[in-house]
């Protein structure tokens, strides 16, 4: 029998009962935004390389769902002051003198 064989670590080895988060909310939001960006990129690549049109429609729907999360991440980041609100183009008035709105 072989002695001194190293044993693998348990999956919950470093879990503690601390209530203080080890990472900041800003860092977690950054990583969430990076994952969203990567998912949208992946679906775009899959859509552009797939010969099946039915899958392209599914990828488009998935991308729209993911972009809803991206909008929420942007809103929260702007509210927290972690991200500046992007500049907006002023909307002109139409020929009737009514301001055209984007919303």
PDB file of N, CA and C in Angstrom:
ATOM      1  N   UNK A   1       0.843  -1.179   0.000  1.00  0.00           N
ATOM      2  CA  UNK A   1       0.000   0.000   0.000  1.00  0.00           C
ATOM      3  C   UNK A   1       0.891   1.247   0.000  1.00  0.00           C
ATOM      4  N   UNK A   2       0.526   2.233  -0.822  1.00  0.00           N
ATOM      5  CA  UNK A   2       1.303   3.465  -0.935  1.00  0.00           C
ATOM      6  C   UNK A   2       0.849   4.437   0.143  1.00  0.00           C
ATOM      7  N   UNK A   3       1.811   5.035   0.830  1.00  0.00           N
ATOM      8  CA  UNK A   3       1.514   5.990   1.889  1.00  0.00           C
ATOM      9  C   UNK A   3       1.767   7.415   1.404  1.00  0.00           C
ATOM     10  N   UNK A   4       1.235   8.381   2.097  1.00  0.00           N
ATOM     11  CA  UNK A   4       1.439   9.809   1.833  1.00  0.00           C
ATOM     12  C   UNK A   4       0.940  10.255   0.462  1.00  0.00           C
ATOM     13  N   UNK A   5      -0.177   9.738   0.037  1.00  0.00           N
ATOM     14  CA  UNK A   5      -0.785  10.179  -1.220  1.00  0.00           C
ATOM     15  C   UNK A   5      -1.570  11.457  -0.927  1.00  0.00           C
ATOM     16  N   UNK A   6      -1.326  12.533  -1.690  1.00  0.00           N
ATOM     17  CA  UNK A   6      -2.063  13.780  -1.418  1.00  0.00           C
ATOM     18  C   UNK A   6      -3.550  13.623  -1.733  1.00  0.00           C
ATOM     19  N   UNK A   7      -4.354  14.181  -0.870  1.00  0.00           N
ATOM     20  CA  UNK A   7      -5.801  14.119  -1.026  1.00  0.00           C
ATOM     21  C   UNK A   7      -6.271  15.442  -1.633  1.00  0.00           C
ATOM     22  N   UNK A   8      -7.241  15.365  -2.540  1.00  0.00           N
ATOM     23  CA  UNK A   8      -7.758  16.594  -3.145  1.00  0.00           C
ATOM     24  C   UNK A   8      -8.506  17.422  -2.109  1.00  0.00           C
ATOM     25  N   UNK A   9      -8.528  18.735  -2.334  1.00  0.00           N
ATOM     26  CA  UNK A   9      -9.206  19.636  -1.407  1.00  0.00           C
ATOM     27  C   UNK A   9     -10.709  19.510  -1.563  1.00  0.00           C
ATOM     28  N   UNK A  10     -11.423  19.790  -0.492  1.00  0.00           N
ATOM     29  CA  UNK A  10     -12.878  19.820  -0.557  1.00  0.00           C
ATOM     30  C   UNK A  10     -13.316  21.073  -1.291  1.00  0.00           C
ATOM     31  N   UNK A  11     -14.504  21.054  -1.888  1.00  0.00           N
ATOM     32  CA  UNK A  11     -14.984  22.202  -2.659  1.00  0.00           C
ATOM     33  C   UNK A  11     -15.361  23.376  -1.760  1.00  0.00           C
ATOM     34  N   UNK A  12     -15.697  23.120  -0.525  1.00  0.00           N
ATOM     35  CA  UNK A  12     -16.108  24.200   0.375  1.00  0.00           C
ATOM     36  C   UNK A  12     -15.022  24.525   1.406  1.00  0.00           C
ATOM     37  N   UNK A  13     -13.795  24.281   1.060  1.00  0.00           N
ATOM     38  CA  UNK A  13     -12.689  24.452   1.998  1.00  0.00           C
ATOM     39  C   UNK A  13     -12.570  25.881   2.514  1.00  0.00           C
ATOM     40  N   UNK A  14     -12.721  26.876   1.629  1.00  0.00           N
ATOM     41  CA  UNK A  14     -12.518  28.263   2.031  1.00  0.00           C
ATOM     42  C   UNK A  14     -13.777  28.993   2.451  1.00  0.00           C
ATOM     43  N   UNK A  15     -14.896  28.321   2.580  1.00  0.00           N
ATOM     44  CA  UNK A  15     -16.148  28.982   2.922  1.00  0.00           C
ATOM     45  C   UNK A  15     -16.163  29.311   4.404  1.00  0.00           C
ATOM     46  N   UNK A  16     -16.462  30.572   4.710  1.00  0.00           N
ATOM     47  CA  UNK A  16     -16.523  31.018   6.093  1.00  0.00           C
ATOM     48  C   UNK A  16     -17.899  31.591   6.382  1.00  0.00           C
ATOM     49  N   UNK A  17     -18.169  31.865   7.634  1.00  0.00           N
ATOM     50  CA  UNK A  17     -19.468  32.408   8.027  1.00  0.00           C
ATOM     51  C   UNK A  17     -19.452  33.929   8.098  1.00  0.00           C
ATOM     52  N   UNK A  18     -18.564  34.558   7.365  1.00  0.00           N
ATOM     53  CA  UNK A  18     -18.435  36.011   7.385  1.00  0.00           C
ATOM     54  C   UNK A  18     -19.605  36.653   6.646  1.00  0.00           C
ATOM     55  N   UNK A  19     -20.058  37.785   7.152  1.00  0.00           N
ATOM     56  CA  UNK A  19     -21.123  38.535   6.475  1.00  0.00           C
ATOM     57  C   UNK A  19     -20.560  39.680   5.645  1.00  0.00           C
ATOM     58  N   UNK A  20     -19.234  39.847   5.671  1.00  0.00           N
ATOM     59  CA  UNK A  20     -18.581  40.906   4.896  1.00  0.00           C
ATOM     60  C   UNK A  20     -18.206  40.333   3.536  1.00  0.00           C
ATOM     61  N   UNK A  21     -18.711  40.923   2.445  1.00  0.00           N
ATOM     62  CA  UNK A  21     -18.396  40.370   1.117  1.00  0.00           C
ATOM     63  C   UNK A  21     -16.917  40.572   0.776  1.00  0.00           C
ATOM     64  N   UNK A  22     -16.270  39.536   0.209  1.00  0.00           N
ATOM     65  CA  UNK A  22     -14.845  39.661  -0.117  1.00  0.00           C
ATOM     66  C   UNK A  22     -14.587  40.536  -1.343  1.00  0.00           C
ATOM     67  N   UNK A  23     -15.585  40.714  -2.191  1.00  0.00           N
ATOM     68  CA  UNK A  23     -15.423  41.515  -3.396  1.00  0.00           C
ATOM     69  C   UNK A  23     -16.428  42.655  -3.388  1.00  0.00           C
ATOM     70  N   UNK A  24     -16.054  43.766  -3.999  1.00  0.00           N
ATOM     71  CA  UNK A  24     -16.944  44.920  -4.030  1.00  0.00           C
ATOM     72  C   UNK A  24     -18.067  44.702  -5.041  1.00  0.00           C
ATOM     73  N   UNK A  25     -19.148  45.426  -4.836  1.00  0.00           N
ATOM     74  CA  UNK A  25     -20.277  45.352  -5.768  1.00  0.00           C
ATOM     75  C   UNK A  25     -19.868  45.854  -7.146  1.00  0.00           C
ATOM     76  N   UNK A  26     -18.991  46.840  -7.170  1.00  0.00           N
ATOM     77  CA  UNK A  26     -18.522  47.389  -8.446  1.00  0.00           C
ATOM     78  C   UNK A  26     -17.759  46.332  -9.237  1.00  0.00           C
ATOM     79  N   UNK A  27     -16.905  45.562  -8.568  1.00  0.00           N
ATOM     80  CA  UNK A  27     -16.156  44.501  -9.240  1.00  0.00           C
ATOM     81  C   UNK A  27     -17.091  43.415  -9.748  1.00  0.00           C
ATOM     82  N   UNK A  28     -18.073  43.036  -8.934  1.00  0.00           N
ATOM     83  CA  UNK A  28     -19.022  41.999  -9.357  1.00  0.00           C
ATOM     84  C   UNK A  28     -19.852  42.477 -10.552  1.00  0.00           C
ATOM     85  N   UNK A  29     -20.225  43.755 -10.554  1.00  0.00           N
ATOM     86  CA  UNK A  29     -20.988  44.309 -11.671  1.00  0.00           C
ATOM     87  C   UNK A  29     -20.130  44.347 -12.936  1.00  0.00           C
ATOM     88  N   UNK A  30     -18.838  44.653 -12.784  1.00  0.00           N
ATOM     89  CA  UNK A  30     -17.924  44.641 -13.921  1.00  0.00           C
ATOM     90  C   UNK A  30     -17.846  43.251 -14.533  1.00  0.00           C
ATOM     91  N   UNK A  31     -17.725  42.238 -13.689  1.00  0.00           N
ATOM     92  CA  UNK A  31     -17.649  40.868 -14.201  1.00  0.00           C
ATOM     93  C   UNK A  31     -18.970  40.439 -14.843  1.00  0.00           C
ATOM     94  N   UNK A  32     -20.076  40.873 -14.282  1.00  0.00           N
ATOM     95  CA  UNK A  32     -21.373  40.573 -14.885  1.00  0.00           C
ATOM     96  C   UNK A  32     -21.482  41.210 -16.265  1.00  0.00           C
ATOM     97  N   UNK A  33     -21.042  42.452 -16.391  1.00  0.00           N
ATOM     98  CA  UNK A  33     -21.070  43.131 -17.694  1.00  0.00           C
ATOM     99  C   UNK A  33     -20.151  42.424 -18.687  1.00  0.00           C
ATOM    100  N   UNK A  34     -18.997  41.936 -18.210  1.00  0.00           N
ATOM    101  CA  UNK A  34     -18.079  41.212 -19.096  1.00  0.00           C
ATOM    102  C   UNK A  34     -18.706  39.895 -19.570  1.00  0.00           C
ATOM    103  N   UNK A  35     -19.423  39.201 -18.683  1.00  0.00           N
ATOM    104  CA  UNK A  35     -20.083  37.950 -19.084  1.00  0.00           C
ATOM    105  C   UNK A  35     -21.201  38.219 -20.089  1.00  0.00           C
ATOM    106  N   UNK A  36     -21.946  39.289 -19.876  1.00  0.00           N
ATOM    107  CA  UNK A  36     -23.016  39.642 -20.810  1.00  0.00           C
ATOM    108  C   UNK A  36     -22.428  39.946 -22.181  1.00  0.00           C
ATOM    109  N   UNK A  37     -21.338  40.719 -22.194  1.00  0.00           N
ATOM    110  CA  UNK A  37     -20.680  41.055 -23.457  1.00  0.00           C
ATOM    111  C   UNK A  37     -20.210  39.802 -24.179  1.00  0.00           C
ATOM    112  N   UNK A  38     -19.632  38.873 -23.441  1.00  0.00           N
ATOM    113  CA  UNK A  38     -19.133  37.634 -24.039  1.00  0.00           C
ATOM    114  C   UNK A  38     -20.283  36.776 -24.583  1.00  0.00           C
ATOM    115  N   UNK A  39     -21.405  36.753 -23.877  1.00  0.00           N
ATOM    116  CA  UNK A  39     -22.560  35.985 -24.362  1.00  0.00           C
ATOM    117  C   UNK A  39     -23.120  36.578 -25.652  1.00  0.00           C
ATOM    118  N   UNK A  40     -23.225  37.888 -25.707  1.00  0.00           N
ATOM    119  CA  UNK A  40     -23.730  38.528 -26.928  1.00  0.00           C
ATOM    120  C   UNK A  40     -22.776  38.268 -28.088  1.00  0.00           C
ATOM    121  N   UNK A  41     -21.460  38.364 -27.815  1.00  0.00           N
ATOM    122  CA  UNK A  41     -20.466  38.079 -28.853  1.00  0.00           C
ATOM    123  C   UNK A  41     -20.578  36.631 -29.331  1.00  0.00           C
ATOM    124  N   UNK A  42     -20.750  35.714 -28.400  1.00  0.00           N
ATOM    125  CA  UNK A  42     -20.858  34.299 -28.762  1.00  0.00           C
ATOM    126  C   UNK A  42     -22.083  34.006 -29.615  1.00  0.00           C
ATOM    127  N   UNK A  43     -23.222  34.585 -29.245  1.00  0.00           N
ATOM    128  CA  UNK A  43     -24.426  34.385 -30.050  1.00  0.00           C
ATOM    129  C   UNK A  43     -24.292  35.043 -31.420  1.00  0.00           C
ATOM    130  N   UNK A  44     -23.628  36.188 -31.479  1.00  0.00           N
ATOM    131  CA  UNK A  44     -23.398  36.836 -32.771  1.00  0.00           C
ATOM    132  C   UNK A  44     -22.531  35.978 -33.676  1.00  0.00           C
ATOM    133  N   UNK A  45     -21.487  35.401 -33.106  1.00  0.00           N
ATOM    134  CA  UNK A  45     -20.621  34.512 -33.882  1.00  0.00           C
ATOM    135  C   UNK A  45     -21.380  33.276 -34.334  1.00  0.00           C
ATOM    136  N   UNK A  46     -22.166  32.694 -33.434  1.00  0.00           N
ATOM    137  CA  UNK A  46     -22.944  31.507 -33.798  1.00  0.00           C
ATOM    138  C   UNK A  46     -23.955  31.827 -34.891  1.00  0.00           C
ATOM    139  N   UNK A  47     -24.571  33.007 -34.778  1.00  0.00           N
ATOM    140  CA  UNK A  47     -25.556  33.402 -35.781  1.00  0.00           C
ATOM    141  C   UNK A  47     -24.907  33.594 -37.150  1.00  0.00           C
ATOM    142  N   UNK A  48     -23.712  34.147 -37.157  1.00  0.00           N
ATOM    143  CA  UNK A  48     -23.061  34.444 -38.438  1.00  0.00           C
ATOM    144  C   UNK A  48     -22.457  33.206 -39.088  1.00  0.00           C
ATOM    145  N   UNK A  49     -22.186  32.173 -38.319  1.00  0.00           N
ATOM    146  CA  UNK A  49     -21.557  30.983 -38.901  1.00  0.00           C
ATOM    147  C   UNK A  49     -22.498  29.805 -39.075  1.00  0.00           C
ATOM    148  N   UNK A  50     -23.695  29.885 -38.525  1.00  0.00           N
ATOM    149  CA  UNK A  50     -24.633  28.765 -38.630  1.00  0.00           C
ATOM    150  C   UNK A  50     -25.371  28.812 -39.963  1.00  0.00           C
ATOM    151  N   UNK A  51     -25.421  27.685 -40.675  1.00  0.00           N
ATOM    152  CA  UNK A  51     -26.167  27.663 -41.928  1.00  0.00           C
ATOM    153  C   UNK A  51     -27.681  27.520 -41.720  1.00  0.00           C
ATOM    154  N   UNK A  52     -28.093  27.240 -40.505  1.00  0.00           N
ATOM    155  CA  UNK A  52     -29.525  27.032 -40.233  1.00  0.00           C
ATOM    156  C   UNK A  52     -30.199  28.345 -39.846  1.00  0.00           C
ATOM    157  N   UNK A  53     -31.205  28.716 -40.616  1.00  0.00           N
ATOM    158  CA  UNK A  53     -31.908  29.972 -40.360  1.00  0.00           C
ATOM    159  C   UNK A  53     -32.786  29.901 -39.120  1.00  0.00           C
ATOM    160  N   UNK A  54     -33.286  28.707 -38.782  1.00  0.00           N
ATOM    161  CA  UNK A  54     -34.124  28.595 -37.590  1.00  0.00           C
ATOM    162  C   UNK A  54     -33.316  28.852 -36.317  1.00  0.00           C
ATOM    163  N   UNK A  55     -32.044  28.473 -36.332  1.00  0.00           N
ATOM    164  CA  UNK A  55     -31.200  28.746 -35.175  1.00  0.00           C
ATOM    165  C   UNK A  55     -30.878  30.227 -35.065  1.00  0.00           C
ATOM    166  N   UNK A  56     -30.734  30.892 -36.196  1.00  0.00           N
ATOM    167  CA  UNK A  56     -30.451  32.333 -36.172  1.00  0.00           C
ATOM    168  C   UNK A  56     -31.568  33.087 -35.456  1.00  0.00           C
ATOM    169  N   UNK A  57     -32.794  32.663 -35.652  1.00  0.00           N
ATOM    170  CA  UNK A  57     -33.921  33.301 -34.970  1.00  0.00           C
ATOM    171  C   UNK A  57     -33.826  33.070 -33.460  1.00  0.00           C
ATOM    172  N   UNK A  58     -33.466  31.844 -33.060  1.00  0.00           N
ATOM    173  CA  UNK A  58     -33.293  31.566 -31.629  1.00  0.00           C
ATOM    174  C   UNK A  58     -32.161  32.398 -31.035  1.00  0.00           C
ATOM    175  N   UNK A  59     -31.053  32.503 -31.757  1.00  0.00           N
ATOM    176  CA  UNK A  59     -29.931  33.297 -31.273  1.00  0.00           C
ATOM    177  C   UNK A  59     -30.328  34.763 -31.114  1.00  0.00           C
ATOM    178  N   UNK A  60     -31.130  35.254 -32.036  1.00  0.00           N
ATOM    179  CA  UNK A  60     -31.599  36.637 -31.942  1.00  0.00           C
ATOM    180  C   UNK A  60     -32.459  36.834 -30.698  1.00  0.00           C
ATOM    181  N   UNK A  61     -33.343  35.888 -30.431  1.00  0.00           N
ATOM    182  CA  UNK A  61     -34.190  35.981 -29.232  1.00  0.00           C
ATOM    183  C   UNK A  61     -33.357  35.910 -27.960  1.00  0.00           C
ATOM    184  N   UNK A  62     -32.368  35.013 -27.928  1.00  0.00           N
ATOM    185  CA  UNK A  62     -31.492  34.914 -26.766  1.00  0.00           C
ATOM    186  C   UNK A  62     -30.716  36.212 -26.562  1.00  0.00           C
ATOM    187  N   UNK A  63     -30.235  36.782 -27.654  1.00  0.00           N
ATOM    188  CA  UNK A  63     -29.479  38.031 -27.568  1.00  0.00           C
ATOM    189  C   UNK A  63     -30.352  39.152 -27.015  1.00  0.00           C
ATOM    190  N   UNK A  64     -31.599  39.229 -27.453  1.00  0.00           N
ATOM    191  CA  UNK A  64     -32.512  40.254 -26.940  1.00  0.00           C
ATOM    192  C   UNK A  64     -32.732  40.097 -25.442  1.00  0.00           C
ATOM    193  N   UNK A  65     -32.861  38.850 -24.971  1.00  0.00           N
ATOM    194  CA  UNK A  65     -33.040  38.620 -23.540  1.00  0.00           C
ATOM    195  C   UNK A  65     -31.797  39.050 -22.763  1.00  0.00           C
ATOM    196  N   UNK A  66     -30.625  38.729 -23.291  1.00  0.00           N
ATOM    197  CA  UNK A  66     -29.383  39.093 -22.618  1.00  0.00           C
ATOM    198  C   UNK A  66     -29.206  40.606 -22.591  1.00  0.00           C
ATOM    199  N   UNK A  67     -29.599  41.281 -23.666  1.00  0.00           N
ATOM    200  CA  UNK A  67     -29.449  42.731 -23.719  1.00  0.00           C
ATOM    201  C   UNK A  67     -30.371  43.430 -22.717  1.00  0.00           C
ATOM    202  N   UNK A  68     -31.464  42.794 -22.326  1.00  0.00           N
ATOM    203  CA  UNK A  68     -32.304  43.348 -21.258  1.00  0.00           C
ATOM    204  C   UNK A  68     -31.521  43.387 -19.945  1.00  0.00           C
ATOM    205  N   UNK A  69     -30.741  42.334 -19.695  1.00  0.00           N
ATOM    206  CA  UNK A  69     -29.872  42.333 -18.510  1.00  0.00           C
ATOM    207  C   UNK A  69     -28.806  43.415 -18.624  1.00  0.00           C
ATOM    208  N   UNK A  70     -28.268  43.598 -19.818  1.00  0.00           N
ATOM    209  CA  UNK A  70     -27.244  44.620 -20.029  1.00  0.00           C
ATOM    210  C   UNK A  70     -27.812  46.009 -19.740  1.00  0.00           C
ATOM    211  N   UNK A  71     -29.048  46.239 -20.143  1.00  0.00           N
ATOM    212  CA  UNK A  71     -29.683  47.531 -19.876  1.00  0.00           C
ATOM    213  C   UNK A  71     -29.822  47.758 -18.373  1.00  0.00           C
ATOM    214  N   UNK A  72     -30.179  46.700 -17.657  1.00  0.00           N
ATOM    215  CA  UNK A  72     -30.330  46.807 -16.205  1.00  0.00           C
ATOM    216  C   UNK A  72     -28.979  47.049 -15.525  1.00  0.00           C
ATOM    217  N   UNK A  73     -27.937  46.364 -15.996  1.00  0.00           N
ATOM    218  CA  UNK A  73     -26.590  46.577 -15.458  1.00  0.00           C
ATOM    219  C   UNK A  73     -26.147  48.020 -15.689  1.00  0.00           C
ATOM    220  N   UNK A  74     -26.410  48.549 -16.875  1.00  0.00           N
ATOM    221  CA  UNK A  74     -26.052  49.940 -17.170  1.00  0.00           C
ATOM    222  C   UNK A  74     -26.804  50.905 -16.268  1.00  0.00           C
ATOM    223  N   UNK A  75     -28.087  50.659 -16.073  1.00  0.00           N
ATOM    224  CA  UNK A  75     -28.905  51.536 -15.227  1.00  0.00           C
ATOM    225  C   UNK A  75     -28.380  51.546 -13.792  1.00  0.00           C
ATOM    226  N   UNK A  76     -28.102  50.361 -13.257  1.00  0.00           N
ATOM    227  CA  UNK A  76     -27.604  50.277 -11.880  1.00  0.00           C
ATOM    228  C   UNK A  76     -26.235  50.938 -11.764  1.00  0.00           C
ATOM    229  N   UNK A  77     -25.369  50.713 -12.747  1.00  0.00           N
ATOM    230  CA  UNK A  77     -24.029  51.298 -12.716  1.00  0.00           C
ATOM    231  C   UNK A  77     -24.082  52.814 -12.782  1.00  0.00           C
ATOM    232  N   UNK A  78     -24.986  53.367 -13.563  1.00  0.00           N
ATOM    233  CA  UNK A  78     -25.143  54.824 -13.646  1.00  0.00           C
ATOM    234  C   UNK A  78     -25.676  55.372 -12.331  1.00  0.00           C
ATOM    235  N   UNK A  79     -26.671  54.685 -11.741  1.00  0.00           N
ATOM    236  CA  UNK A  79     -27.233  55.136 -10.464  1.00  0.00           C
ATOM    237  C   UNK A  79     -26.185  55.126  -9.352  1.00  0.00           C
ATOM    238  N   UNK A  80     -25.291  54.142  -9.356  1.00  0.00           N
ATOM    239  CA  UNK A  80     -24.264  54.030  -8.324  1.00  0.00           C
ATOM    240  C   UNK A  80     -23.080  54.968  -8.566  1.00  0.00           C
ATOM    241  N   UNK A  81     -23.020  55.574  -9.750  1.00  0.00           N
ATOM    242  CA  UNK A  81     -21.923  56.467 -10.080  1.00  0.00           C
ATOM    243  C   UNK A  81     -20.689  55.749 -10.594  1.00  0.00           C
ATOM    244  N   UNK A  82     -20.832  54.469 -10.942  1.00  0.00           N
ATOM    245  CA  UNK A  82     -19.709  53.691 -11.461  1.00  0.00           C
ATOM    246  C   UNK A  82     -19.530  53.887 -12.957  1.00  0.00           C
ATOM    247  N   UNK A  83     -20.532  54.416 -13.601  1.00  0.00           N
ATOM    248  CA  UNK A  83     -20.521  54.585 -15.047  1.00  0.00           C
ATOM    249  C   UNK A  83     -21.206  55.903 -15.359  1.00  0.00           C
ATOM    250  N   UNK A  84     -20.639  56.662 -16.273  1.00  0.00           N
ATOM    251  CA  UNK A  84     -21.273  57.911 -16.665  1.00  0.00           C
ATOM    252  C   UNK A  84     -22.383  57.621 -17.654  1.00  0.00           C
ATOM    253  N   UNK A  85     -23.416  58.426 -17.588  1.00  0.00           N
ATOM    254  CA  UNK A  85     -24.498  58.279 -18.556  1.00  0.00           C
ATOM    255  C   UNK A  85     -23.992  58.735 -19.916  1.00  0.00           C
ATOM    256  N   UNK A  86     -24.227  57.945 -20.955  1.00  0.00           N
ATOM    257  CA  UNK A  86     -23.731  58.330 -22.281  1.00  0.00           C
ATOM    258  C   UNK A  86     -24.423  59.592 -22.780  1.00  0.00           C
ATOM    259  N   UNK A  87     -23.734  60.373 -23.595  1.00  0.00           N
ATOM    260  CA  UNK A  87     -24.360  61.593 -24.121  1.00  0.00           C
ATOM    261  C   UNK A  87     -25.518  61.248 -25.050  1.00  0.00           C
ATOM    262  N   UNK A  88     -26.502  62.102 -25.053  1.00  0.00           N
ATOM    263  CA  UNK A  88     -27.677  61.907 -25.898  1.00  0.00           C
ATOM    264  C   UNK A  88     -27.712  62.970 -26.990  1.00  0.00           C
ATOM    265  N   UNK A  89     -28.209  62.603 -28.134  1.00  0.00           N
ATOM    266  CA  UNK A  89     -28.379  63.539 -29.246  1.00  0.00           C
ATOM    267  C   UNK A  89     -29.672  64.313 -29.000  1.00  0.00           C
ATOM    268  N   UNK A  90     -29.642  65.612 -29.060  1.00  0.00           N
ATOM    269  CA  UNK A  90     -30.892  66.357 -28.888  1.00  0.00           C
ATOM    270  C   UNK A  90     -31.829  66.076 -30.064  1.00  0.00           C
ATOM    271  N   UNK A  91     -33.067  65.807 -29.739  1.00  0.00           N
ATOM    272  CA  UNK A  91     -34.028  65.491 -30.784  1.00  0.00           C
ATOM    273  C   UNK A  91     -34.637  66.773 -31.344  1.00  0.00           C
ATOM    274  N   UNK A  92     -34.642  66.910 -32.650  1.00  0.00           N
ATOM    275  CA  UNK A  92     -35.175  68.134 -33.265  1.00  0.00           C
ATOM    276  C   UNK A  92     -36.709  68.163 -33.233  1.00  0.00           C
ATOM    277  N   UNK A  93     -37.241  69.327 -33.504  1.00  0.00           N
ATOM    278  CA  UNK A  93     -38.692  69.446 -33.632  1.00  0.00           C
ATOM    279  C   UNK A  93     -39.075  69.144 -35.075  1.00  0.00           C
ATOM    280  N   UNK A  94     -40.229  68.535 -35.226  1.00  0.00           N
ATOM    281  CA  UNK A  94     -40.686  68.258 -36.595  1.00  0.00           C
ATOM    282  C   UNK A  94     -41.326  69.506 -37.201  1.00  0.00           C
ATOM    283  N   UNK A  95     -41.885  69.389 -38.370  1.00  0.00           N
ATOM    284  CA  UNK A  95     -42.427  70.556 -39.074  1.00  0.00           C
ATOM    285  C   UNK A  95     -43.634  71.170 -38.363  1.00  0.00           C
ATOM    286  N   UNK A  96     -44.232  70.442 -37.400  1.00  0.00           N
ATOM    287  CA  UNK A  96     -45.379  70.970 -36.672  1.00  0.00           C
ATOM    288  C   UNK A  96     -44.964  71.645 -35.366  1.00  0.00           C
ATOM    289  N   UNK A  97     -43.641  71.690 -35.083  1.00  0.00           N
ATOM    290  CA  UNK A  97     -43.161  72.320 -33.873  1.00  0.00           C
ATOM    291  C   UNK A  97     -43.241  71.419 -32.645  1.00  0.00           C
ATOM    292  N   UNK A  98     -43.498  70.118 -32.855  1.00  0.00           N
ATOM    293  CA  UNK A  98     -43.577  69.165 -31.750  1.00  0.00           C
ATOM    294  C   UNK A  98     -42.228  68.461 -31.624  1.00  0.00           C
ATOM    295  N   UNK A  99     -41.732  68.435 -30.390  1.00  0.00           N
ATOM    296  CA  UNK A  99     -40.439  67.788 -30.160  1.00  0.00           C
ATOM    297  C   UNK A  99     -40.578  66.289 -30.337  1.00  0.00           C
ATOM    298  N   UNK A 100     -39.659  65.693 -31.083  1.00  0.00           N
ATOM    299  CA  UNK A 100     -39.671  64.262 -31.333  1.00  0.00           C
ATOM    300  C   UNK A 100     -38.909  63.606 -30.200  1.00  0.00           C
ATOM    301  N   UNK A 101     -39.514  62.595 -29.573  1.00  0.00           N
ATOM    302  CA  UNK A 101     -38.897  61.933 -28.449  1.00  0.00           C
ATOM    303  C   UNK A 101     -38.466  60.534 -28.836  1.00  0.00           C
ATOM    304  N   UNK A 102     -37.429  60.035 -28.165  1.00  0.00           N
ATOM    305  CA  UNK A 102     -36.961  58.671 -28.438  1.00  0.00           C
ATOM    306  C   UNK A 102     -37.669  57.666 -27.559  1.00  0.00           C
ATOM    307  N   UNK A 103     -38.394  58.116 -26.559  1.00  0.00           N
ATOM    308  CA  UNK A 103     -39.023  57.186 -25.602  1.00  0.00           C
ATOM    309  C   UNK A 103     -40.494  57.149 -25.736  1.00  0.00           C
TER     310      UNK A 103
END
